[in-house]
Amino acid sequence: MAKIHVDRAGNTALESFLPTSIEQLSLPGVSIPKGIVTEFREAELCFSVSAYRASSALFRSTLEKVLKVNGYTEGDLYGKINKAIEDGVITATRGKRAHDDVRVLGNDVLHDEWREVTAEEVEKAHGYVQRILEDLYDDRPTVEAQLIVKNRLSPPVNSS
C-alpha cells in the first residue's frame, strides 16, 4: 500500500509505503525460550510496519522476560539490569545501553504522556536487545554456570 500526495500541478510525492522491511536480526542457537523469540520477532514485525511505539514496548518486554527466565525475578527492570551487570552476565556498557535505549524508551511508551518514537530509537533498542540475547545464549553453558554460581539458576538435577 502506498500513500501518495498529488498536488494541483500533478506532481507526486511518495509519503509512505507498506509493508516496509527491516532486517530480522539473527539470534543464537536453539536454547532461547520460544516465547522470548516470538516476542522479539513480533517487536521486529511492529518495527517493520512503522509501529514504533508498539515495537519499543515489546523490545522492553522481551528484555524483562529474558532477564526473568535467567533468574532475575525480583524488583523492577532497572534492578534486574543492574543485577545482571553485577553478576557479570552483561557488561556495564551493555547494561547502560539496556537502560538508556530499551528500558527508558519502553517506559516512556508504557507510562508517560504520548510522544513520538522514532525509527532511530527503535533501531537502537532492536540492536541492544539482540546483543543481550547473544550475551545470554551464544555460549549458554558458560552463562548457565555463572548464573548457578550467582544463585540465579538451580544446578541441573542428576538423572542417575
N, C-alpha and C. Protein backbone atom coordinates (compact mmCIF):
# COMPACT_ATOMS: atom_id res chain seq x y z
N MET A 1 0.85 -1.15 0.00
CA MET A 1 0.00 0.00 0.00
C MET A 1 0.90 1.22 0.00
N ALA A 2 0.57 2.17 -0.81
CA ALA A 2 1.36 3.40 -0.90
C ALA A 2 0.46 4.59 -0.60
N LYS A 3 1.03 5.55 0.12
CA LYS A 3 0.34 6.81 0.35
C LYS A 3 1.08 7.85 -0.47
N ILE A 4 0.37 8.38 -1.48
CA ILE A 4 0.99 9.30 -2.44
C ILE A 4 0.23 10.62 -2.42
N HIS A 5 0.98 11.70 -2.39
CA HIS A 5 0.39 13.04 -2.47
C HIS A 5 0.51 13.53 -3.92
N VAL A 6 -0.59 14.06 -4.43
CA VAL A 6 -0.60 14.64 -5.76
C VAL A 6 -1.06 16.10 -5.61
N ASP A 7 -0.20 17.04 -6.06
CA ASP A 7 -0.61 18.44 -5.95
C ASP A 7 -1.42 18.85 -7.18
N ARG A 8 -1.87 20.07 -7.21
CA ARG A 8 -2.74 20.55 -8.29
C ARG A 8 -2.04 20.55 -9.65
N ALA A 9 -0.72 20.62 -9.64
CA ALA A 9 0.03 20.61 -10.89
C ALA A 9 0.31 19.18 -11.37
N GLY A 10 -0.14 18.20 -10.60
CA GLY A 10 0.08 16.81 -10.99
C GLY A 10 1.39 16.22 -10.50
N ASN A 11 2.13 16.97 -9.70
CA ASN A 11 3.37 16.45 -9.12
C ASN A 11 3.03 15.44 -8.02
N THR A 12 3.77 14.36 -7.98
CA THR A 12 3.50 13.34 -6.97
C THR A 12 4.68 13.20 -6.02
N ALA A 13 4.34 12.79 -4.80
CA ALA A 13 5.38 12.53 -3.79
C ALA A 13 4.92 11.33 -2.97
N LEU A 14 5.80 10.37 -2.81
CA LEU A 14 5.53 9.20 -2.01
C LEU A 14 5.74 9.54 -0.54
N GLU A 15 4.70 9.39 0.28
CA GLU A 15 4.82 9.65 1.71
C GLU A 15 5.21 8.39 2.47
N SER A 16 4.56 7.29 2.13
CA SER A 16 4.87 6.05 2.82
C SER A 16 4.52 4.87 1.93
N PHE A 17 5.09 3.73 2.28
CA PHE A 17 4.85 2.51 1.52
C PHE A 17 4.86 1.35 2.51
N LEU A 18 3.82 0.53 2.45
CA LEU A 18 3.73 -0.63 3.34
C LEU A 18 3.56 -1.89 2.51
N PRO A 19 4.07 -3.01 2.85
CA PRO A 19 4.86 -3.20 4.06
C PRO A 19 6.28 -2.68 3.86
N THR A 20 6.81 -2.16 4.95
CA THR A 20 8.21 -1.78 4.93
C THR A 20 9.01 -3.01 5.31
N SER A 21 10.28 -2.87 5.28
CA SER A 21 11.11 -4.03 5.59
C SER A 21 12.24 -3.60 6.49
N ILE A 22 12.51 -4.41 7.48
CA ILE A 22 13.71 -4.24 8.30
C ILE A 22 14.44 -5.57 8.27
N GLU A 23 15.70 -5.52 8.58
CA GLU A 23 16.47 -6.75 8.65
C GLU A 23 16.13 -7.46 9.95
N GLN A 24 15.69 -8.72 9.82
CA GLN A 24 15.50 -9.54 11.02
C GLN A 24 16.88 -9.92 11.51
N LEU A 25 17.15 -9.60 12.77
CA LEU A 25 18.46 -9.91 13.33
C LEU A 25 18.57 -11.38 13.70
N SER A 26 19.75 -11.93 13.55
CA SER A 26 19.94 -13.34 13.88
C SER A 26 20.00 -13.49 15.39
N LEU A 27 19.48 -14.61 15.85
CA LEU A 27 19.51 -14.95 17.26
C LEU A 27 20.31 -16.24 17.43
N PRO A 28 21.04 -16.36 18.53
CA PRO A 28 21.91 -17.52 18.70
C PRO A 28 21.15 -18.79 19.06
N GLY A 29 21.61 -19.88 18.49
CA GLY A 29 21.21 -21.23 18.89
C GLY A 29 19.73 -21.48 19.04
N VAL A 30 19.44 -22.59 19.65
CA VAL A 30 18.06 -23.01 19.84
C VAL A 30 17.65 -22.98 21.31
N SER A 31 18.51 -22.50 22.19
CA SER A 31 18.21 -22.55 23.61
C SER A 31 17.42 -21.35 24.13
N ILE A 32 17.19 -20.34 23.32
CA ILE A 32 16.36 -19.22 23.76
C ILE A 32 14.92 -19.72 23.85
N PRO A 33 14.26 -19.46 24.98
CA PRO A 33 12.86 -19.90 25.09
C PRO A 33 12.00 -19.37 23.94
N LYS A 34 11.12 -20.24 23.45
CA LYS A 34 10.30 -19.93 22.27
C LYS A 34 9.49 -18.64 22.45
N GLY A 35 8.93 -18.43 23.63
CA GLY A 35 8.14 -17.23 23.86
C GLY A 35 8.94 -15.95 23.73
N ILE A 36 10.20 -16.00 24.14
CA ILE A 36 11.06 -14.82 24.03
C ILE A 36 11.39 -14.55 22.56
N VAL A 37 11.70 -15.61 21.82
CA VAL A 37 11.96 -15.44 20.39
C VAL A 37 10.72 -14.89 19.69
N THR A 38 9.56 -15.43 20.02
CA THR A 38 8.31 -14.98 19.40
C THR A 38 8.04 -13.51 19.71
N GLU A 39 8.27 -13.10 20.95
CA GLU A 39 8.05 -11.70 21.31
C GLU A 39 9.05 -10.78 20.59
N PHE A 40 10.31 -11.20 20.51
CA PHE A 40 11.32 -10.42 19.79
C PHE A 40 10.92 -10.27 18.33
N ARG A 41 10.48 -11.36 17.71
CA ARG A 41 10.08 -11.31 16.29
C ARG A 41 8.83 -10.44 16.10
N GLU A 42 7.91 -10.46 17.06
CA GLU A 42 6.73 -9.60 16.96
C GLU A 42 7.13 -8.13 17.07
N ALA A 43 8.10 -7.84 17.93
CA ALA A 43 8.62 -6.47 18.03
C ALA A 43 9.23 -6.05 16.70
N GLU A 44 9.96 -6.97 16.06
CA GLU A 44 10.52 -6.67 14.73
C GLU A 44 9.41 -6.42 13.71
N LEU A 45 8.34 -7.20 13.78
CA LEU A 45 7.22 -7.01 12.86
C LEU A 45 6.61 -5.62 13.04
N CYS A 46 6.39 -5.23 14.29
CA CYS A 46 5.87 -3.88 14.55
C CYS A 46 6.81 -2.82 14.00
N PHE A 47 8.11 -3.02 14.21
CA PHE A 47 9.12 -2.09 13.70
C PHE A 47 9.03 -2.01 12.18
N SER A 48 8.83 -3.15 11.52
CA SER A 48 8.84 -3.19 10.06
C SER A 48 7.67 -2.44 9.44
N VAL A 49 6.60 -2.24 10.19
CA VAL A 49 5.44 -1.51 9.66
C VAL A 49 5.30 -0.14 10.32
N SER A 50 6.41 0.34 10.87
CA SER A 50 6.48 1.68 11.46
C SER A 50 5.61 1.87 12.70
N ALA A 51 5.29 0.79 13.38
CA ALA A 51 4.57 0.87 14.66
C ALA A 51 5.63 0.97 15.75
N TYR A 52 6.28 2.13 15.79
CA TYR A 52 7.47 2.31 16.63
C TYR A 52 7.16 2.25 18.12
N ARG A 53 6.04 2.79 18.54
CA ARG A 53 5.69 2.75 19.97
C ARG A 53 5.44 1.31 20.40
N ALA A 54 4.69 0.58 19.62
CA ALA A 54 4.42 -0.83 19.96
C ALA A 54 5.71 -1.63 19.97
N SER A 55 6.55 -1.39 18.99
CA SER A 55 7.82 -2.11 18.89
C SER A 55 8.69 -1.83 20.11
N SER A 56 8.79 -0.57 20.50
CA SER A 56 9.65 -0.24 21.65
C SER A 56 9.13 -0.88 22.93
N ALA A 57 7.82 -0.93 23.09
CA ALA A 57 7.25 -1.59 24.28
C ALA A 57 7.55 -3.09 24.27
N LEU A 58 7.46 -3.71 23.09
CA LEU A 58 7.75 -5.15 23.00
C LEU A 58 9.23 -5.46 23.18
N PHE A 59 10.12 -4.60 22.70
CA PHE A 59 11.54 -4.84 22.96
C PHE A 59 11.84 -4.72 24.45
N ARG A 60 11.22 -3.76 25.12
CA ARG A 60 11.39 -3.63 26.57
C ARG A 60 10.87 -4.89 27.27
N SER A 61 9.71 -5.35 26.85
CA SER A 61 9.12 -6.55 27.44
C SER A 61 10.00 -7.77 27.20
N THR A 62 10.56 -7.89 26.02
CA THR A 62 11.47 -9.00 25.71
C THR A 62 12.67 -8.98 26.66
N LEU A 63 13.23 -7.79 26.86
CA LEU A 63 14.38 -7.66 27.77
C LEU A 63 14.01 -8.11 29.17
N GLU A 64 12.88 -7.66 29.67
CA GLU A 64 12.48 -8.04 31.02
C GLU A 64 12.23 -9.54 31.13
N LYS A 65 11.57 -10.11 30.14
CA LYS A 65 11.29 -11.55 30.17
C LYS A 65 12.57 -12.38 30.12
N VAL A 66 13.53 -11.98 29.29
CA VAL A 66 14.76 -12.77 29.20
C VAL A 66 15.54 -12.69 30.51
N LEU A 67 15.51 -11.55 31.16
CA LEU A 67 16.18 -11.47 32.46
C LEU A 67 15.47 -12.35 33.49
N LYS A 68 14.13 -12.34 33.47
CA LYS A 68 13.37 -13.18 34.41
C LYS A 68 13.70 -14.66 34.25
N VAL A 69 13.72 -15.16 33.01
CA VAL A 69 13.98 -16.59 32.82
C VAL A 69 15.43 -16.96 33.15
N ASN A 70 16.27 -15.95 33.28
CA ASN A 70 17.66 -16.20 33.67
C ASN A 70 17.89 -15.94 35.15
N GLY A 71 16.81 -15.87 35.92
CA GLY A 71 16.92 -15.81 37.37
C GLY A 71 16.81 -14.44 38.00
N TYR A 72 16.57 -13.42 37.20
CA TYR A 72 16.43 -12.06 37.73
C TYR A 72 14.94 -11.79 37.90
N THR A 73 14.39 -12.28 39.00
CA THR A 73 12.94 -12.29 39.18
C THR A 73 12.42 -11.23 40.14
N GLU A 74 13.31 -10.62 40.89
CA GLU A 74 12.85 -9.66 41.91
C GLU A 74 13.10 -8.23 41.47
N GLY A 75 12.19 -7.35 41.89
CA GLY A 75 12.36 -5.94 41.63
C GLY A 75 11.92 -5.53 40.24
N ASP A 76 12.19 -4.28 39.94
CA ASP A 76 11.81 -3.72 38.65
C ASP A 76 12.90 -3.97 37.62
N LEU A 77 12.64 -3.57 36.38
CA LEU A 77 13.60 -3.82 35.30
C LEU A 77 14.92 -3.10 35.57
N TYR A 78 14.88 -1.93 36.14
CA TYR A 78 16.10 -1.21 36.49
C TYR A 78 17.00 -2.09 37.37
N GLY A 79 16.42 -2.65 38.41
CA GLY A 79 17.19 -3.51 39.31
C GLY A 79 17.66 -4.80 38.66
N LYS A 80 16.82 -5.37 37.81
CA LYS A 80 17.20 -6.61 37.12
C LYS A 80 18.42 -6.39 36.22
N ILE A 81 18.40 -5.30 35.48
CA ILE A 81 19.55 -4.98 34.61
C ILE A 81 20.81 -4.81 35.47
N ASN A 82 20.69 -4.05 36.56
CA ASN A 82 21.85 -3.81 37.41
C ASN A 82 22.38 -5.09 38.03
N LYS A 83 21.50 -6.00 38.42
CA LYS A 83 21.95 -7.29 38.98
C LYS A 83 22.67 -8.11 37.92
N ALA A 84 22.18 -8.08 36.68
CA ALA A 84 22.85 -8.82 35.60
C ALA A 84 24.25 -8.24 35.34
N ILE A 85 24.39 -6.92 35.48
CA ILE A 85 25.70 -6.29 35.36
C ILE A 85 26.59 -6.75 36.52
N GLU A 86 26.08 -6.67 37.75
CA GLU A 86 26.84 -7.09 38.93
C GLU A 86 27.30 -8.54 38.82
N ASP A 87 26.45 -9.39 38.27
CA ASP A 87 26.77 -10.82 38.15
C ASP A 87 27.72 -11.10 36.98
N GLY A 88 27.96 -10.11 36.14
CA GLY A 88 28.89 -10.28 35.04
C GLY A 88 28.33 -10.99 33.82
N VAL A 89 27.01 -11.13 33.72
CA VAL A 89 26.45 -11.79 32.54
C VAL A 89 26.19 -10.81 31.40
N ILE A 90 26.13 -9.51 31.72
CA ILE A 90 26.18 -8.48 30.69
C ILE A 90 27.19 -7.43 31.17
N THR A 91 27.82 -6.77 30.23
CA THR A 91 28.83 -5.76 30.59
C THR A 91 28.16 -4.49 31.09
N ALA A 92 28.92 -3.66 31.78
CA ALA A 92 28.39 -2.38 32.25
C ALA A 92 27.96 -1.51 31.07
N THR A 93 28.73 -1.55 29.99
CA THR A 93 28.38 -0.77 28.81
C THR A 93 27.07 -1.26 28.21
N ARG A 94 26.93 -2.58 28.08
CA ARG A 94 25.69 -3.15 27.55
C ARG A 94 24.52 -2.81 28.48
N GLY A 95 24.76 -2.86 29.77
CA GLY A 95 23.72 -2.52 30.73
C GLY A 95 23.28 -1.07 30.62
N LYS A 96 24.23 -0.17 30.41
CA LYS A 96 23.88 1.25 30.23
C LYS A 96 23.00 1.42 29.01
N ARG A 97 23.34 0.74 27.92
CA ARG A 97 22.53 0.82 26.70
C ARG A 97 21.15 0.19 26.95
N ALA A 98 21.10 -0.90 27.72
CA ALA A 98 19.81 -1.52 28.05
C ALA A 98 18.94 -0.53 28.81
N HIS A 99 19.54 0.20 29.74
CA HIS A 99 18.79 1.23 30.48
C HIS A 99 18.35 2.34 29.55
N ASP A 100 19.30 2.94 28.85
CA ASP A 100 19.03 4.16 28.08
C ASP A 100 18.21 3.92 26.82
N ASP A 101 18.52 2.85 26.11
CA ASP A 101 17.92 2.65 24.78
C ASP A 101 16.77 1.65 24.75
N VAL A 102 16.59 0.90 25.82
CA VAL A 102 15.49 -0.08 25.83
C VAL A 102 14.52 0.22 26.97
N ARG A 103 15.00 0.20 28.20
CA ARG A 103 14.13 0.38 29.37
C ARG A 103 13.45 1.75 29.36
N VAL A 104 14.24 2.81 29.25
CA VAL A 104 13.68 4.17 29.31
C VAL A 104 12.71 4.40 28.14
N LEU A 105 13.09 3.97 26.95
CA LEU A 105 12.21 4.14 25.79
C LEU A 105 10.89 3.40 26.00
N GLY A 106 10.98 2.14 26.43
CA GLY A 106 9.76 1.38 26.68
C GLY A 106 8.92 1.99 27.78
N ASN A 107 9.58 2.47 28.84
CA ASN A 107 8.85 3.12 29.92
C ASN A 107 8.15 4.38 29.44
N ASP A 108 8.81 5.15 28.57
CA ASP A 108 8.17 6.35 28.02
C ASP A 108 6.85 5.98 27.35
N VAL A 109 6.86 4.91 26.59
CA VAL A 109 5.66 4.49 25.87
C VAL A 109 4.61 3.95 26.83
N LEU A 110 5.03 3.15 27.80
CA LEU A 110 4.08 2.49 28.69
C LEU A 110 3.53 3.38 29.80
N HIS A 111 4.33 4.33 30.27
CA HIS A 111 3.95 5.03 31.50
C HIS A 111 3.80 6.55 31.37
N ASP A 112 4.38 7.15 30.36
CA ASP A 112 4.39 8.61 30.27
C ASP A 112 3.36 9.11 29.27
N GLU A 113 3.27 10.43 29.17
CA GLU A 113 2.40 11.05 28.18
C GLU A 113 2.82 10.60 26.78
N TRP A 114 1.88 10.65 25.83
CA TRP A 114 2.18 10.24 24.47
C TRP A 114 3.31 11.09 23.92
N ARG A 115 4.22 10.43 23.23
CA ARG A 115 5.26 11.14 22.48
C ARG A 115 5.61 10.29 21.27
N GLU A 116 6.08 10.95 20.25
CA GLU A 116 6.50 10.24 19.05
C GLU A 116 7.77 9.45 19.35
N VAL A 117 7.83 8.24 18.85
CA VAL A 117 9.04 7.41 18.93
C VAL A 117 9.57 7.29 17.52
N THR A 118 10.86 7.49 17.36
CA THR A 118 11.45 7.49 16.02
C THR A 118 12.00 6.12 15.64
N ALA A 119 12.17 5.94 14.36
CA ALA A 119 12.77 4.70 13.85
C ALA A 119 14.18 4.52 14.41
N GLU A 120 14.90 5.60 14.56
CA GLU A 120 16.27 5.52 15.08
C GLU A 120 16.29 5.01 16.52
N GLU A 121 15.34 5.46 17.33
CA GLU A 121 15.26 4.99 18.72
C GLU A 121 14.96 3.49 18.76
N VAL A 122 14.03 3.06 17.93
CA VAL A 122 13.65 1.65 17.92
C VAL A 122 14.80 0.80 17.37
N GLU A 123 15.50 1.32 16.38
CA GLU A 123 16.64 0.58 15.83
C GLU A 123 17.69 0.31 16.91
N LYS A 124 17.94 1.28 17.77
CA LYS A 124 18.88 1.08 18.88
C LYS A 124 18.37 0.00 19.83
N ALA A 125 17.11 0.10 20.22
CA ALA A 125 16.53 -0.89 21.13
C ALA A 125 16.61 -2.29 20.51
N HIS A 126 16.28 -2.38 19.24
CA HIS A 126 16.33 -3.65 18.50
C HIS A 126 17.72 -4.27 18.61
N GLY A 127 18.72 -3.48 18.29
CA GLY A 127 20.10 -3.98 18.31
C GLY A 127 20.57 -4.38 19.70
N TYR A 128 20.23 -3.60 20.71
CA TYR A 128 20.72 -3.92 22.05
C TYR A 128 20.01 -5.12 22.66
N VAL A 129 18.73 -5.29 22.40
CA VAL A 129 18.06 -6.49 22.91
C VAL A 129 18.65 -7.73 22.23
N GLN A 130 18.91 -7.64 20.93
CA GLN A 130 19.54 -8.77 20.22
C GLN A 130 20.91 -9.09 20.81
N ARG A 131 21.69 -8.06 21.13
CA ARG A 131 23.03 -8.29 21.71
C ARG A 131 22.93 -8.93 23.09
N ILE A 132 21.94 -8.53 23.87
CA ILE A 132 21.77 -9.14 25.19
C ILE A 132 21.36 -10.59 25.05
N LEU A 133 20.50 -10.89 24.09
CA LEU A 133 20.16 -12.30 23.82
C LEU A 133 21.42 -13.08 23.44
N GLU A 134 22.27 -12.47 22.64
CA GLU A 134 23.55 -13.12 22.30
C GLU A 134 24.40 -13.32 23.55
N ASP A 135 24.49 -12.29 24.40
CA ASP A 135 25.27 -12.40 25.63
C ASP A 135 24.81 -13.59 26.47
N LEU A 136 23.51 -13.78 26.55
CA LEU A 136 22.96 -14.81 27.43
C LEU A 136 22.87 -16.19 26.80
N TYR A 137 22.85 -16.27 25.47
CA TYR A 137 22.60 -17.56 24.83
C TYR A 137 23.65 -18.03 23.83
N ASP A 138 24.58 -17.19 23.44
CA ASP A 138 25.57 -17.62 22.45
C ASP A 138 26.49 -18.71 23.01
N ASP A 139 26.92 -18.55 24.25
CA ASP A 139 27.73 -19.57 24.93
C ASP A 139 26.97 -19.97 26.18
N ARG A 140 25.85 -20.63 25.98
CA ARG A 140 24.91 -20.92 27.06
C ARG A 140 25.53 -21.70 28.21
N PRO A 141 26.34 -22.73 27.99
CA PRO A 141 26.90 -23.46 29.13
C PRO A 141 27.71 -22.55 30.08
N THR A 142 28.47 -21.64 29.54
CA THR A 142 29.27 -20.74 30.37
C THR A 142 28.36 -19.79 31.15
N VAL A 143 27.35 -19.25 30.49
CA VAL A 143 26.42 -18.33 31.15
C VAL A 143 25.64 -19.08 32.23
N GLU A 144 25.16 -20.28 31.93
CA GLU A 144 24.43 -21.06 32.93
C GLU A 144 25.30 -21.33 34.15
N ALA A 145 26.55 -21.67 33.94
CA ALA A 145 27.46 -21.91 35.06
C ALA A 145 27.59 -20.65 35.92
N GLN A 146 27.73 -19.50 35.28
CA GLN A 146 27.82 -18.23 36.01
C GLN A 146 26.54 -17.95 36.77
N LEU A 147 25.39 -18.20 36.15
CA LEU A 147 24.10 -17.96 36.81
C LEU A 147 23.90 -18.91 37.99
N ILE A 148 24.40 -20.12 37.89
CA ILE A 148 24.32 -21.08 39.00
C ILE A 148 25.20 -20.60 40.16
N VAL A 149 26.42 -20.17 39.86
CA VAL A 149 27.32 -19.65 40.89
C VAL A 149 26.68 -18.46 41.61
N LYS A 150 25.98 -17.62 40.88
CA LYS A 150 25.34 -16.43 41.45
C LYS A 150 23.95 -16.72 42.04
N ASN A 151 23.58 -18.01 42.11
CA ASN A 151 22.30 -18.45 42.67
C ASN A 151 21.09 -17.88 41.93
N ARG A 152 21.25 -17.67 40.64
CA ARG A 152 20.14 -17.23 39.80
C ARG A 152 19.39 -18.42 39.22
N LEU A 153 20.13 -19.47 38.88
CA LEU A 153 19.55 -20.71 38.37
C LEU A 153 19.97 -21.85 39.28
N SER A 154 19.15 -22.88 39.31
CA SER A 154 19.49 -24.08 40.09
C SER A 154 20.36 -24.99 39.25
N PRO A 155 21.29 -25.71 39.91
CA PRO A 155 22.09 -26.68 39.16
C PRO A 155 21.19 -27.77 38.58
N PRO A 156 21.59 -28.36 37.45
CA PRO A 156 20.78 -29.45 36.88
C PRO A 156 20.72 -30.62 37.84
N VAL A 157 19.59 -31.29 37.84
CA VAL A 157 19.41 -32.48 38.68
C VAL A 157 19.98 -33.69 37.93
N ASN A 158 20.83 -34.46 38.62
CA ASN A 158 21.38 -35.68 38.00
C ASN A 158 20.29 -36.71 37.84
N SER A 159 20.28 -37.35 36.69
CA SER A 159 19.24 -38.34 36.40
C SER A 159 19.81 -39.75 36.49
N SER A 160 20.56 -40.05 37.55
CA SER A 160 21.15 -41.38 37.68
C SER A 160 20.31 -42.32 38.48
